């Protein structure tokens, strides 16, 4: 994880979602999440999200992991039915899979967060990309982190030159990717690409 004060150009606070299919996916996500946690039906009309957090896991994700897992599975099903590019991060298998609809186009081992600094599950969208950026937090500072793609606040996917232990959780919450794979992902994904993080 990083602090936004370390960036020469901080990430935008409110990404835009110009495409109608993103609004539809958001409305569907919120409706499914509301149904899963037992909320009454919501009339969301032409709602446009104000941040990438708008499509993150329901607030009670910690209290009801089976419901959240089902919600995430429903989102993955919807993405497989589309022809969109999307990224799946499997925390249990320590794998990142790039998809185009229901077709896997790339798969690599990664390092996600440790037990002490976990990677949060949920469904997000990449909201900003940096070819290189410094990252720091309590007890660490890493200059020139390559191929950074943020999808939830300070959580993102990026290259890691400081270790080669992919397949083992060892990050501060981000998803560490080997440099050559990170370069490929950075060129393949764009702002707005969905990111599904699951157990």
N, C-alpha and C. Protein backbone atom coordinates (compact mmCIF):
# COMPACT_ATOMS: atom_id res chain seq x y z
N UNK A 1 0.83 -1.18 0.00
CA UNK A 1 0.00 0.00 0.00
C UNK A 1 0.87 1.24 0.00
N UNK A 2 0.34 2.30 -0.50
CA UNK A 2 1.10 3.54 -0.57
C UNK A 2 0.27 4.66 0.00
N UNK A 3 0.95 5.78 0.19
CA UNK A 3 0.21 6.98 0.55
C UNK A 3 0.18 7.87 -0.67
N UNK A 4 -0.95 8.51 -0.92
CA UNK A 4 -1.08 9.31 -2.13
C UNK A 4 -0.18 10.52 -2.14
N UNK A 5 0.33 10.92 -0.99
CA UNK A 5 1.23 12.07 -0.95
C UNK A 5 2.57 11.77 -1.61
N UNK A 6 2.87 10.49 -1.85
CA UNK A 6 4.13 10.13 -2.48
C UNK A 6 4.12 10.28 -3.99
N UNK A 7 2.97 10.54 -4.59
CA UNK A 7 2.87 10.59 -6.03
C UNK A 7 3.11 12.01 -6.54
N UNK A 8 3.80 12.13 -7.69
CA UNK A 8 3.95 13.44 -8.29
C UNK A 8 2.58 13.98 -8.74
N UNK A 9 1.71 13.11 -9.19
CA UNK A 9 0.35 13.46 -9.59
C UNK A 9 -0.59 12.51 -8.88
N UNK A 10 -1.21 12.91 -7.78
CA UNK A 10 -2.06 11.98 -7.02
C UNK A 10 -3.18 11.42 -7.87
N UNK A 11 -3.62 10.18 -7.56
CA UNK A 11 -4.72 9.60 -8.32
C UNK A 11 -5.96 10.48 -8.21
N UNK A 12 -6.78 10.50 -9.25
CA UNK A 12 -8.01 11.29 -9.19
C UNK A 12 -8.94 10.72 -8.13
N UNK A 13 -9.67 11.59 -7.48
CA UNK A 13 -10.59 11.16 -6.42
C UNK A 13 -11.86 10.54 -6.98
N UNK A 14 -12.33 11.01 -8.12
CA UNK A 14 -13.59 10.52 -8.69
C UNK A 14 -13.40 10.15 -10.15
N UNK A 15 -13.13 8.86 -10.43
CA UNK A 15 -12.99 8.47 -11.82
C UNK A 15 -14.32 8.60 -12.54
N UNK A 16 -14.26 8.76 -13.85
CA UNK A 16 -15.49 8.86 -14.63
C UNK A 16 -15.82 7.50 -15.22
N UNK A 17 -17.09 7.26 -15.42
CA UNK A 17 -17.59 6.02 -15.99
C UNK A 17 -18.48 6.38 -17.17
N UNK A 18 -17.89 6.69 -18.34
CA UNK A 18 -18.68 7.21 -19.45
C UNK A 18 -19.56 6.19 -20.14
N UNK A 19 -19.25 4.91 -20.02
CA UNK A 19 -19.98 3.93 -20.80
C UNK A 19 -21.21 3.43 -20.06
N UNK A 20 -22.30 3.29 -20.79
CA UNK A 20 -23.58 2.87 -20.21
C UNK A 20 -23.48 1.47 -19.62
N UNK A 21 -22.64 0.59 -20.22
CA UNK A 21 -22.56 -0.77 -19.69
C UNK A 21 -21.92 -0.80 -18.30
N UNK A 22 -21.07 0.17 -17.99
CA UNK A 22 -20.49 0.23 -16.65
C UNK A 22 -21.56 0.63 -15.63
N UNK A 23 -22.44 1.57 -16.02
CA UNK A 23 -23.53 1.95 -15.12
C UNK A 23 -24.45 0.76 -14.89
N UNK A 24 -24.70 0.00 -15.94
CA UNK A 24 -25.57 -1.17 -15.83
C UNK A 24 -24.92 -2.21 -14.91
N UNK A 25 -23.61 -2.45 -15.09
CA UNK A 25 -22.90 -3.39 -14.24
C UNK A 25 -22.94 -2.93 -12.78
N UNK A 26 -22.77 -1.63 -12.56
CA UNK A 26 -22.82 -1.10 -11.21
C UNK A 26 -24.20 -1.31 -10.59
N UNK A 27 -25.25 -0.94 -11.34
CA UNK A 27 -26.61 -1.11 -10.80
C UNK A 27 -26.88 -2.57 -10.49
N UNK A 28 -26.45 -3.47 -11.38
CA UNK A 28 -26.63 -4.90 -11.15
C UNK A 28 -25.86 -5.34 -9.92
N UNK A 29 -24.62 -4.89 -9.77
CA UNK A 29 -23.80 -5.26 -8.62
C UNK A 29 -24.44 -4.83 -7.32
N UNK A 30 -24.92 -3.59 -7.28
CA UNK A 30 -25.53 -3.09 -6.06
C UNK A 30 -26.82 -3.83 -5.76
N UNK A 31 -27.62 -4.10 -6.78
CA UNK A 31 -28.88 -4.83 -6.57
C UNK A 31 -28.61 -6.24 -6.05
N UNK A 32 -27.61 -6.93 -6.60
CA UNK A 32 -27.27 -8.27 -6.14
C UNK A 32 -26.76 -8.21 -4.70
N UNK A 33 -25.87 -7.25 -4.41
CA UNK A 33 -25.33 -7.12 -3.06
C UNK A 33 -26.45 -6.83 -2.06
N UNK A 34 -27.38 -5.96 -2.42
CA UNK A 34 -28.49 -5.64 -1.53
C UNK A 34 -29.35 -6.86 -1.28
N UNK A 35 -29.62 -7.64 -2.32
CA UNK A 35 -30.43 -8.85 -2.16
C UNK A 35 -29.72 -9.87 -1.28
N UNK A 36 -28.41 -10.00 -1.45
CA UNK A 36 -27.64 -10.98 -0.67
C UNK A 36 -27.68 -10.64 0.81
N UNK A 37 -27.56 -9.38 1.16
CA UNK A 37 -27.53 -9.00 2.58
C UNK A 37 -28.92 -8.72 3.13
N UNK A 38 -29.96 -8.94 2.32
CA UNK A 38 -31.32 -8.84 2.81
C UNK A 38 -31.91 -7.45 2.85
N UNK A 39 -31.38 -6.52 2.07
CA UNK A 39 -31.94 -5.17 2.00
C UNK A 39 -33.12 -5.15 1.04
N UNK A 40 -34.08 -4.25 1.24
CA UNK A 40 -35.18 -4.15 0.28
C UNK A 40 -34.66 -3.69 -1.08
N UNK A 41 -35.44 -3.93 -2.11
CA UNK A 41 -35.05 -3.55 -3.47
C UNK A 41 -34.77 -2.05 -3.53
N UNK A 42 -33.74 -1.69 -4.27
CA UNK A 42 -33.35 -0.30 -4.41
C UNK A 42 -33.65 0.17 -5.82
N UNK A 43 -34.20 1.37 -5.98
CA UNK A 43 -34.40 1.96 -7.29
C UNK A 43 -33.21 2.88 -7.56
N UNK A 44 -32.30 2.42 -8.43
CA UNK A 44 -31.06 3.15 -8.66
C UNK A 44 -31.10 4.01 -9.91
N UNK A 45 -32.12 3.85 -10.73
CA UNK A 45 -32.27 4.69 -11.92
C UNK A 45 -31.00 4.79 -12.73
N UNK A 46 -30.60 6.00 -13.10
CA UNK A 46 -29.43 6.24 -13.93
C UNK A 46 -28.22 6.59 -13.07
N UNK A 47 -28.07 5.94 -11.95
CA UNK A 47 -27.01 6.25 -11.00
C UNK A 47 -25.63 6.12 -11.64
N UNK A 48 -24.76 7.06 -11.37
CA UNK A 48 -23.37 7.01 -11.79
C UNK A 48 -22.51 7.02 -10.54
N UNK A 49 -21.53 6.09 -10.43
CA UNK A 49 -20.72 6.02 -9.22
C UNK A 49 -19.84 7.25 -9.06
N UNK A 50 -19.54 7.57 -7.79
CA UNK A 50 -18.67 8.71 -7.52
C UNK A 50 -17.23 8.29 -7.31
N UNK A 51 -16.98 7.00 -7.10
CA UNK A 51 -15.61 6.52 -6.95
C UNK A 51 -15.56 5.03 -7.20
N UNK A 52 -14.34 4.47 -7.30
CA UNK A 52 -14.20 3.05 -7.52
C UNK A 52 -14.74 2.26 -6.33
N UNK A 53 -14.86 2.87 -5.18
CA UNK A 53 -15.38 2.18 -4.01
C UNK A 53 -16.86 1.85 -4.16
N UNK A 54 -17.53 2.49 -5.11
CA UNK A 54 -18.97 2.27 -5.28
C UNK A 54 -19.27 0.85 -5.71
N UNK A 55 -18.31 0.14 -6.31
CA UNK A 55 -18.58 -1.23 -6.69
C UNK A 55 -17.77 -2.21 -5.86
N UNK A 56 -17.25 -1.77 -4.74
CA UNK A 56 -16.51 -2.67 -3.85
C UNK A 56 -17.50 -3.55 -3.10
N UNK A 57 -16.98 -4.49 -2.35
CA UNK A 57 -17.82 -5.44 -1.61
C UNK A 57 -18.73 -4.72 -0.64
N UNK A 58 -19.90 -5.32 -0.31
CA UNK A 58 -20.81 -4.71 0.65
C UNK A 58 -20.10 -4.43 1.97
N UNK A 59 -20.61 -3.44 2.72
CA UNK A 59 -19.96 -3.01 3.95
C UNK A 59 -19.84 -4.13 4.98
N UNK A 60 -20.76 -5.08 4.98
CA UNK A 60 -20.70 -6.14 5.98
C UNK A 60 -19.93 -7.35 5.46
N UNK A 61 -18.97 -7.15 4.56
CA UNK A 61 -18.21 -8.24 3.97
C UNK A 61 -17.54 -9.11 5.02
N UNK A 62 -17.08 -8.50 6.09
CA UNK A 62 -16.38 -9.26 7.12
C UNK A 62 -17.34 -10.18 7.86
N UNK A 63 -18.57 -9.71 8.10
CA UNK A 63 -19.53 -10.50 8.85
C UNK A 63 -20.12 -11.65 8.03
N UNK A 64 -20.16 -11.54 6.71
CA UNK A 64 -20.84 -12.57 5.92
C UNK A 64 -20.03 -13.00 4.71
N UNK A 65 -18.85 -13.63 4.92
CA UNK A 65 -18.02 -14.02 3.79
C UNK A 65 -18.71 -14.93 2.78
N UNK A 66 -19.57 -15.90 3.19
CA UNK A 66 -20.21 -16.72 2.17
C UNK A 66 -21.10 -15.90 1.23
N UNK A 67 -21.79 -14.91 1.75
CA UNK A 67 -22.63 -14.06 0.91
C UNK A 67 -21.78 -13.21 -0.03
N UNK A 68 -20.69 -12.69 0.48
CA UNK A 68 -19.80 -11.88 -0.36
C UNK A 68 -19.18 -12.77 -1.43
N UNK A 69 -18.77 -13.97 -1.07
CA UNK A 69 -18.20 -14.89 -2.06
C UNK A 69 -19.20 -15.17 -3.16
N UNK A 70 -20.47 -15.35 -2.83
CA UNK A 70 -21.50 -15.58 -3.84
C UNK A 70 -21.68 -14.34 -4.72
N UNK A 71 -21.65 -13.16 -4.11
CA UNK A 71 -21.75 -11.92 -4.86
C UNK A 71 -20.60 -11.81 -5.87
N UNK A 72 -19.39 -12.14 -5.42
CA UNK A 72 -18.22 -12.08 -6.31
C UNK A 72 -18.39 -13.09 -7.44
N UNK A 73 -18.85 -14.30 -7.13
CA UNK A 73 -19.09 -15.31 -8.17
C UNK A 73 -20.11 -14.81 -9.19
N UNK A 74 -21.16 -14.14 -8.72
CA UNK A 74 -22.17 -13.59 -9.63
C UNK A 74 -21.55 -12.55 -10.56
N UNK A 75 -20.68 -11.71 -10.02
CA UNK A 75 -20.00 -10.71 -10.85
C UNK A 75 -19.09 -11.38 -11.88
N UNK A 76 -18.38 -12.42 -11.47
CA UNK A 76 -17.51 -13.14 -12.40
C UNK A 76 -18.34 -13.78 -13.52
N UNK A 77 -19.48 -14.32 -13.17
CA UNK A 77 -20.37 -14.91 -14.17
C UNK A 77 -20.78 -13.85 -15.19
N UNK A 78 -21.18 -12.67 -14.72
CA UNK A 78 -21.59 -11.59 -15.62
C UNK A 78 -20.43 -11.16 -16.52
N UNK A 79 -19.22 -11.08 -15.98
CA UNK A 79 -18.07 -10.69 -16.79
C UNK A 79 -17.75 -11.76 -17.83
N UNK A 80 -17.92 -13.04 -17.48
CA UNK A 80 -17.67 -14.11 -18.45
C UNK A 80 -18.67 -14.08 -19.60
N UNK A 81 -19.87 -13.57 -19.34
CA UNK A 81 -20.88 -13.47 -20.39
C UNK A 81 -20.63 -12.30 -21.32
N UNK A 82 -19.81 -11.37 -20.89
CA UNK A 82 -19.48 -10.20 -21.71
C UNK A 82 -18.26 -10.51 -22.57
N UNK A 83 -17.86 -9.58 -23.37
CA UNK A 83 -16.62 -9.70 -24.13
C UNK A 83 -15.55 -8.77 -23.58
N UNK A 84 -15.78 -8.25 -22.38
CA UNK A 84 -14.86 -7.28 -21.77
C UNK A 84 -13.56 -7.95 -21.31
N UNK A 85 -12.52 -7.15 -21.28
CA UNK A 85 -11.27 -7.56 -20.63
C UNK A 85 -11.47 -7.38 -19.13
N UNK A 86 -11.01 -8.35 -18.33
CA UNK A 86 -11.08 -8.23 -16.89
C UNK A 86 -9.99 -9.07 -16.26
N UNK A 87 -9.69 -8.74 -15.00
CA UNK A 87 -8.60 -9.39 -14.28
C UNK A 87 -9.16 -10.09 -13.05
N UNK A 88 -8.74 -11.33 -12.86
CA UNK A 88 -9.10 -12.10 -11.66
C UNK A 88 -7.84 -12.29 -10.82
N UNK A 89 -7.94 -11.98 -9.52
CA UNK A 89 -6.85 -12.24 -8.59
C UNK A 89 -7.34 -13.29 -7.61
N UNK A 90 -6.74 -14.47 -7.65
CA UNK A 90 -7.10 -15.60 -6.79
C UNK A 90 -6.13 -15.60 -5.60
N UNK A 91 -6.63 -15.17 -4.44
CA UNK A 91 -5.77 -15.06 -3.25
C UNK A 91 -5.31 -16.42 -2.75
N UNK A 92 -6.16 -17.43 -2.83
CA UNK A 92 -5.80 -18.77 -2.34
C UNK A 92 -4.71 -19.38 -3.22
N UNK A 93 -4.87 -19.29 -4.53
CA UNK A 93 -3.90 -19.86 -5.45
C UNK A 93 -2.73 -18.95 -5.77
N UNK A 94 -2.80 -17.69 -5.30
CA UNK A 94 -1.76 -16.69 -5.59
C UNK A 94 -1.53 -16.59 -7.10
N UNK A 95 -2.65 -16.46 -7.83
CA UNK A 95 -2.59 -16.34 -9.29
C UNK A 95 -3.37 -15.13 -9.76
N UNK A 96 -2.90 -14.55 -10.84
CA UNK A 96 -3.62 -13.49 -11.53
C UNK A 96 -3.93 -14.02 -12.93
N UNK A 97 -5.20 -13.89 -13.33
CA UNK A 97 -5.63 -14.36 -14.64
C UNK A 97 -6.25 -13.20 -15.39
N UNK A 98 -5.78 -12.97 -16.61
CA UNK A 98 -6.36 -11.95 -17.49
C UNK A 98 -7.37 -12.66 -18.39
N UNK A 99 -8.56 -12.08 -18.48
CA UNK A 99 -9.66 -12.68 -19.24
C UNK A 99 -10.14 -11.72 -20.32
N UNK A 100 -10.66 -12.28 -21.39
CA UNK A 100 -11.46 -11.56 -22.37
C UNK A 100 -12.76 -12.33 -22.47
N UNK A 101 -13.79 -11.82 -21.76
CA UNK A 101 -15.05 -12.56 -21.63
C UNK A 101 -14.81 -13.84 -20.86
N UNK A 102 -15.06 -14.99 -21.49
CA UNK A 102 -14.85 -16.27 -20.81
C UNK A 102 -13.56 -16.97 -21.25
N UNK A 103 -12.69 -16.25 -21.94
CA UNK A 103 -11.45 -16.82 -22.45
C UNK A 103 -10.24 -16.29 -21.67
N UNK A 104 -9.48 -17.22 -21.06
CA UNK A 104 -8.24 -16.83 -20.38
C UNK A 104 -7.21 -16.47 -21.44
N UNK A 105 -6.58 -15.30 -21.26
CA UNK A 105 -5.54 -14.90 -22.21
C UNK A 105 -4.16 -14.83 -21.58
N UNK A 106 -4.08 -14.88 -20.25
CA UNK A 106 -2.78 -14.76 -19.58
C UNK A 106 -2.97 -15.20 -18.13
N UNK A 107 -2.02 -15.94 -17.58
CA UNK A 107 -2.09 -16.35 -16.17
C UNK A 107 -0.68 -16.40 -15.59
N UNK A 108 -0.53 -15.83 -14.40
CA UNK A 108 0.78 -15.79 -13.75
C UNK A 108 0.63 -15.97 -12.24
N UNK A 109 1.71 -16.43 -11.60
CA UNK A 109 1.75 -16.45 -10.15
C UNK A 109 2.09 -15.04 -9.66
N UNK A 110 1.50 -14.66 -8.54
CA UNK A 110 1.70 -13.33 -7.96
C UNK A 110 1.94 -13.46 -6.47
N UNK A 111 2.24 -12.35 -5.83
CA UNK A 111 2.31 -12.28 -4.37
C UNK A 111 1.34 -11.21 -3.91
N UNK A 112 0.34 -11.63 -3.13
CA UNK A 112 -0.65 -10.70 -2.60
C UNK A 112 -0.32 -10.43 -1.14
N UNK A 113 -1.24 -9.80 -0.43
CA UNK A 113 -1.01 -9.41 0.96
C UNK A 113 -0.85 -10.58 1.91
N UNK A 114 -0.12 -10.32 2.98
CA UNK A 114 0.08 -11.32 4.03
C UNK A 114 -1.13 -11.33 4.97
N UNK A 115 -1.09 -12.22 5.95
CA UNK A 115 -2.16 -12.27 6.95
C UNK A 115 -2.27 -10.94 7.69
N UNK A 116 -1.12 -10.32 7.98
CA UNK A 116 -1.10 -9.05 8.72
C UNK A 116 -1.53 -7.87 7.85
N UNK A 117 -1.30 -7.96 6.54
CA UNK A 117 -1.66 -6.87 5.62
C UNK A 117 -2.38 -7.47 4.42
N UNK A 118 -3.62 -7.90 4.61
CA UNK A 118 -4.33 -8.65 3.55
C UNK A 118 -4.76 -7.80 2.37
N UNK A 119 -4.94 -8.48 1.26
CA UNK A 119 -5.52 -7.87 0.07
C UNK A 119 -7.03 -8.02 0.18
N UNK A 120 -7.79 -6.93 0.14
CA UNK A 120 -9.25 -7.03 0.28
C UNK A 120 -9.92 -7.68 -0.93
N UNK A 121 -10.92 -8.52 -0.66
CA UNK A 121 -11.68 -9.11 -1.74
C UNK A 121 -12.75 -8.13 -2.22
N UNK A 122 -13.23 -8.34 -3.43
CA UNK A 122 -14.28 -7.50 -3.98
C UNK A 122 -14.17 -7.38 -5.48
N UNK A 123 -15.01 -6.54 -6.04
CA UNK A 123 -15.03 -6.28 -7.47
C UNK A 123 -14.78 -4.78 -7.65
N UNK A 124 -13.75 -4.45 -8.42
CA UNK A 124 -13.30 -3.07 -8.56
C UNK A 124 -13.07 -2.77 -10.03
N UNK A 125 -12.58 -1.57 -10.31
CA UNK A 125 -12.12 -1.19 -11.65
C UNK A 125 -10.82 -0.42 -11.50
N UNK A 126 -9.91 -0.64 -12.43
CA UNK A 126 -8.68 0.16 -12.46
C UNK A 126 -9.08 1.61 -12.67
N UNK A 127 -8.62 2.50 -11.78
CA UNK A 127 -9.00 3.91 -11.92
C UNK A 127 -7.85 4.82 -12.29
N UNK A 128 -6.62 4.34 -12.19
CA UNK A 128 -5.47 5.14 -12.62
C UNK A 128 -4.29 4.20 -12.87
N UNK A 129 -3.42 4.59 -13.83
CA UNK A 129 -2.23 3.82 -14.15
C UNK A 129 -1.01 4.76 -14.13
N UNK A 130 0.11 4.26 -13.61
CA UNK A 130 1.38 4.99 -13.63
C UNK A 130 2.45 4.05 -14.17
N UNK A 131 3.24 4.49 -15.14
CA UNK A 131 4.32 3.64 -15.61
C UNK A 131 5.36 3.37 -14.51
N UNK A 132 5.46 4.31 -13.57
CA UNK A 132 6.40 4.18 -12.45
C UNK A 132 5.98 5.15 -11.35
N UNK A 133 6.07 4.68 -10.10
CA UNK A 133 5.70 5.54 -8.97
C UNK A 133 6.37 5.04 -7.70
N UNK A 134 6.70 5.93 -6.76
CA UNK A 134 7.23 5.49 -5.46
C UNK A 134 6.08 4.99 -4.59
N UNK A 135 6.40 4.05 -3.70
CA UNK A 135 5.40 3.55 -2.75
C UNK A 135 6.04 3.54 -1.37
N UNK A 136 5.26 3.99 -0.38
CA UNK A 136 5.77 3.96 0.98
C UNK A 136 4.62 3.86 1.96
N UNK A 137 4.96 3.44 3.14
CA UNK A 137 4.00 3.29 4.22
C UNK A 137 4.78 3.04 5.49
N UNK A 138 4.12 2.66 6.57
CA UNK A 138 4.83 2.41 7.82
C UNK A 138 5.90 1.33 7.65
N UNK A 139 7.15 1.71 7.80
CA UNK A 139 8.25 0.76 7.76
C UNK A 139 8.80 0.42 6.39
N UNK A 140 8.36 1.09 5.34
CA UNK A 140 8.94 0.80 4.03
C UNK A 140 8.84 2.00 3.09
N UNK A 141 9.79 2.05 2.17
CA UNK A 141 9.76 3.03 1.08
C UNK A 141 10.42 2.36 -0.12
N UNK A 142 9.68 2.24 -1.22
CA UNK A 142 10.20 1.60 -2.43
C UNK A 142 10.10 2.62 -3.56
N UNK A 143 11.25 3.09 -4.04
CA UNK A 143 11.21 4.06 -5.15
C UNK A 143 10.98 3.34 -6.49
N UNK A 144 10.47 4.06 -7.43
CA UNK A 144 10.38 3.61 -8.82
C UNK A 144 9.69 2.26 -9.01
N UNK A 145 8.54 2.07 -8.40
CA UNK A 145 7.77 0.84 -8.59
C UNK A 145 7.17 0.89 -10.00
N UNK A 146 7.43 -0.15 -10.82
CA UNK A 146 6.98 -0.09 -12.22
C UNK A 146 5.56 -0.64 -12.43
N UNK A 147 4.93 -0.14 -13.48
CA UNK A 147 3.66 -0.67 -13.99
C UNK A 147 2.56 -0.71 -12.93
N UNK A 148 2.28 0.43 -12.33
CA UNK A 148 1.31 0.53 -11.24
C UNK A 148 -0.09 0.78 -11.79
N UNK A 149 -1.04 -0.05 -11.34
CA UNK A 149 -2.45 0.11 -11.73
C UNK A 149 -3.30 0.02 -10.45
N UNK A 150 -3.83 1.16 -10.01
CA UNK A 150 -4.64 1.19 -8.79
C UNK A 150 -6.10 0.88 -9.11
N UNK A 151 -6.71 0.06 -8.25
CA UNK A 151 -8.12 -0.30 -8.44
C UNK A 151 -8.98 -0.03 -7.21
N UNK A 152 -8.39 0.17 -6.04
CA UNK A 152 -9.18 0.44 -4.82
C UNK A 152 -8.32 1.26 -3.87
N UNK A 153 -8.52 2.57 -3.88
CA UNK A 153 -7.71 3.43 -3.00
C UNK A 153 -6.24 3.22 -3.30
N UNK A 154 -5.49 2.78 -2.29
CA UNK A 154 -4.06 2.54 -2.44
C UNK A 154 -3.72 1.09 -2.78
N UNK A 155 -4.71 0.27 -3.06
CA UNK A 155 -4.48 -1.12 -3.47
C UNK A 155 -4.38 -1.18 -4.98
N UNK A 156 -3.39 -1.93 -5.46
CA UNK A 156 -3.20 -2.01 -6.90
C UNK A 156 -2.41 -3.24 -7.31
N UNK A 157 -2.18 -3.31 -8.59
CA UNK A 157 -1.35 -4.35 -9.22
C UNK A 157 -0.11 -3.64 -9.72
N UNK A 158 1.08 -4.21 -9.46
CA UNK A 158 2.30 -3.55 -9.93
C UNK A 158 3.44 -4.54 -10.03
N UNK A 159 4.47 -4.14 -10.76
CA UNK A 159 5.68 -4.94 -10.86
C UNK A 159 6.44 -4.91 -9.55
N UNK A 160 7.20 -5.98 -9.28
CA UNK A 160 8.03 -6.05 -8.06
C UNK A 160 9.43 -6.51 -8.45
N UNK A 161 10.41 -5.62 -8.24
CA UNK A 161 11.80 -5.94 -8.54
C UNK A 161 12.56 -6.36 -7.29
N UNK A 162 11.96 -6.27 -6.11
CA UNK A 162 12.65 -6.50 -4.84
C UNK A 162 12.52 -7.93 -4.35
N UNK A 163 11.76 -8.78 -5.04
CA UNK A 163 11.72 -10.20 -4.67
C UNK A 163 11.37 -11.03 -5.89
N UNK A 164 11.58 -12.33 -5.78
CA UNK A 164 11.26 -13.27 -6.85
C UNK A 164 10.56 -14.48 -6.24
N UNK A 165 9.70 -14.22 -5.25
CA UNK A 165 9.04 -15.29 -4.52
C UNK A 165 7.55 -15.33 -4.87
N UNK A 166 7.23 -15.25 -6.16
CA UNK A 166 5.85 -15.21 -6.60
C UNK A 166 5.18 -16.56 -6.34
N UNK A 167 3.93 -16.49 -5.94
CA UNK A 167 3.20 -17.69 -5.51
C UNK A 167 3.08 -17.76 -4.00
N UNK A 168 3.69 -16.78 -3.31
CA UNK A 168 3.68 -16.71 -1.85
C UNK A 168 3.19 -15.33 -1.42
N UNK A 169 2.21 -15.25 -0.50
CA UNK A 169 1.78 -13.93 -0.01
C UNK A 169 2.92 -13.23 0.70
N UNK A 170 3.24 -12.00 0.29
CA UNK A 170 4.31 -11.26 0.96
C UNK A 170 4.24 -9.76 0.75
N UNK A 171 3.11 -9.25 0.24
CA UNK A 171 3.02 -7.81 0.01
C UNK A 171 2.31 -7.13 1.18
N UNK A 172 2.20 -5.81 1.07
CA UNK A 172 1.48 -5.00 2.08
C UNK A 172 0.00 -4.84 1.70
N UNK A 173 -0.47 -5.64 0.74
CA UNK A 173 -1.87 -5.60 0.33
C UNK A 173 -2.04 -5.49 -1.17
N UNK A 174 -1.03 -4.96 -1.85
CA UNK A 174 -1.10 -4.89 -3.31
C UNK A 174 -0.82 -6.27 -3.90
N UNK A 175 -0.96 -6.37 -5.21
CA UNK A 175 -0.65 -7.61 -5.92
C UNK A 175 0.68 -7.40 -6.66
N UNK A 176 1.73 -8.09 -6.18
CA UNK A 176 3.06 -8.02 -6.79
C UNK A 176 3.13 -8.98 -7.97
N UNK A 177 3.68 -8.50 -9.09
CA UNK A 177 3.79 -9.29 -10.31
C UNK A 177 5.23 -9.18 -10.81
N UNK A 178 5.78 -10.28 -11.35
CA UNK A 178 7.13 -10.24 -11.94
C UNK A 178 7.16 -9.17 -13.03
N UNK A 179 8.31 -8.55 -13.22
CA UNK A 179 8.41 -7.38 -14.11
C UNK A 179 7.94 -7.64 -15.54
N UNK A 180 8.34 -8.76 -16.14
CA UNK A 180 7.93 -9.00 -17.52
C UNK A 180 6.42 -9.19 -17.62
N UNK A 181 5.83 -9.87 -16.66
CA UNK A 181 4.38 -10.06 -16.65
C UNK A 181 3.65 -8.75 -16.35
N UNK A 182 4.21 -7.96 -15.45
CA UNK A 182 3.61 -6.67 -15.11
C UNK A 182 3.59 -5.75 -16.33
N UNK A 183 4.65 -5.79 -17.13
CA UNK A 183 4.70 -4.97 -18.35
C UNK A 183 3.60 -5.38 -19.32
N UNK A 184 3.41 -6.70 -19.48
CA UNK A 184 2.35 -7.18 -20.37
C UNK A 184 0.98 -6.73 -19.88
N UNK A 185 0.71 -6.93 -18.58
CA UNK A 185 -0.59 -6.55 -18.01
C UNK A 185 -0.84 -5.05 -18.16
N UNK A 186 0.19 -4.26 -17.91
CA UNK A 186 0.06 -2.80 -17.99
C UNK A 186 -0.35 -2.37 -19.40
N UNK A 187 0.23 -3.00 -20.42
CA UNK A 187 -0.13 -2.64 -21.79
C UNK A 187 -1.49 -3.21 -22.20
N UNK A 188 -1.90 -4.32 -21.61
CA UNK A 188 -3.16 -4.97 -21.97
C UNK A 188 -4.37 -4.31 -21.30
N UNK A 189 -4.24 -3.94 -20.02
CA UNK A 189 -5.37 -3.38 -19.25
C UNK A 189 -5.45 -1.88 -19.46
N UNK A 190 -6.64 -1.35 -19.26
CA UNK A 190 -6.83 0.10 -19.37
C UNK A 190 -7.59 0.58 -18.15
N UNK A 191 -7.65 1.89 -17.98
CA UNK A 191 -8.48 2.46 -16.93
C UNK A 191 -9.91 2.01 -17.20
N UNK A 192 -10.57 1.48 -16.17
CA UNK A 192 -11.92 0.95 -16.32
C UNK A 192 -11.96 -0.57 -16.40
N UNK A 193 -10.81 -1.23 -16.56
CA UNK A 193 -10.80 -2.70 -16.60
C UNK A 193 -11.22 -3.23 -15.24
N UNK A 194 -12.23 -4.12 -15.19
CA UNK A 194 -12.65 -4.70 -13.91
C UNK A 194 -11.56 -5.58 -13.31
N UNK A 195 -11.47 -5.56 -11.98
CA UNK A 195 -10.54 -6.39 -11.21
C UNK A 195 -11.37 -7.11 -10.16
N UNK A 196 -11.37 -8.44 -10.21
CA UNK A 196 -12.09 -9.27 -9.25
C UNK A 196 -11.06 -9.91 -8.34
N UNK A 197 -11.16 -9.63 -7.04
CA UNK A 197 -10.25 -10.21 -6.06
C UNK A 197 -11.07 -11.18 -5.22
N UNK A 198 -10.66 -12.46 -5.23
CA UNK A 198 -11.44 -13.48 -4.52
C UNK A 198 -10.52 -14.45 -3.78
N UNK A 199 -11.12 -15.17 -2.86
CA UNK A 199 -10.38 -16.20 -2.13
C UNK A 199 -10.40 -17.49 -2.91
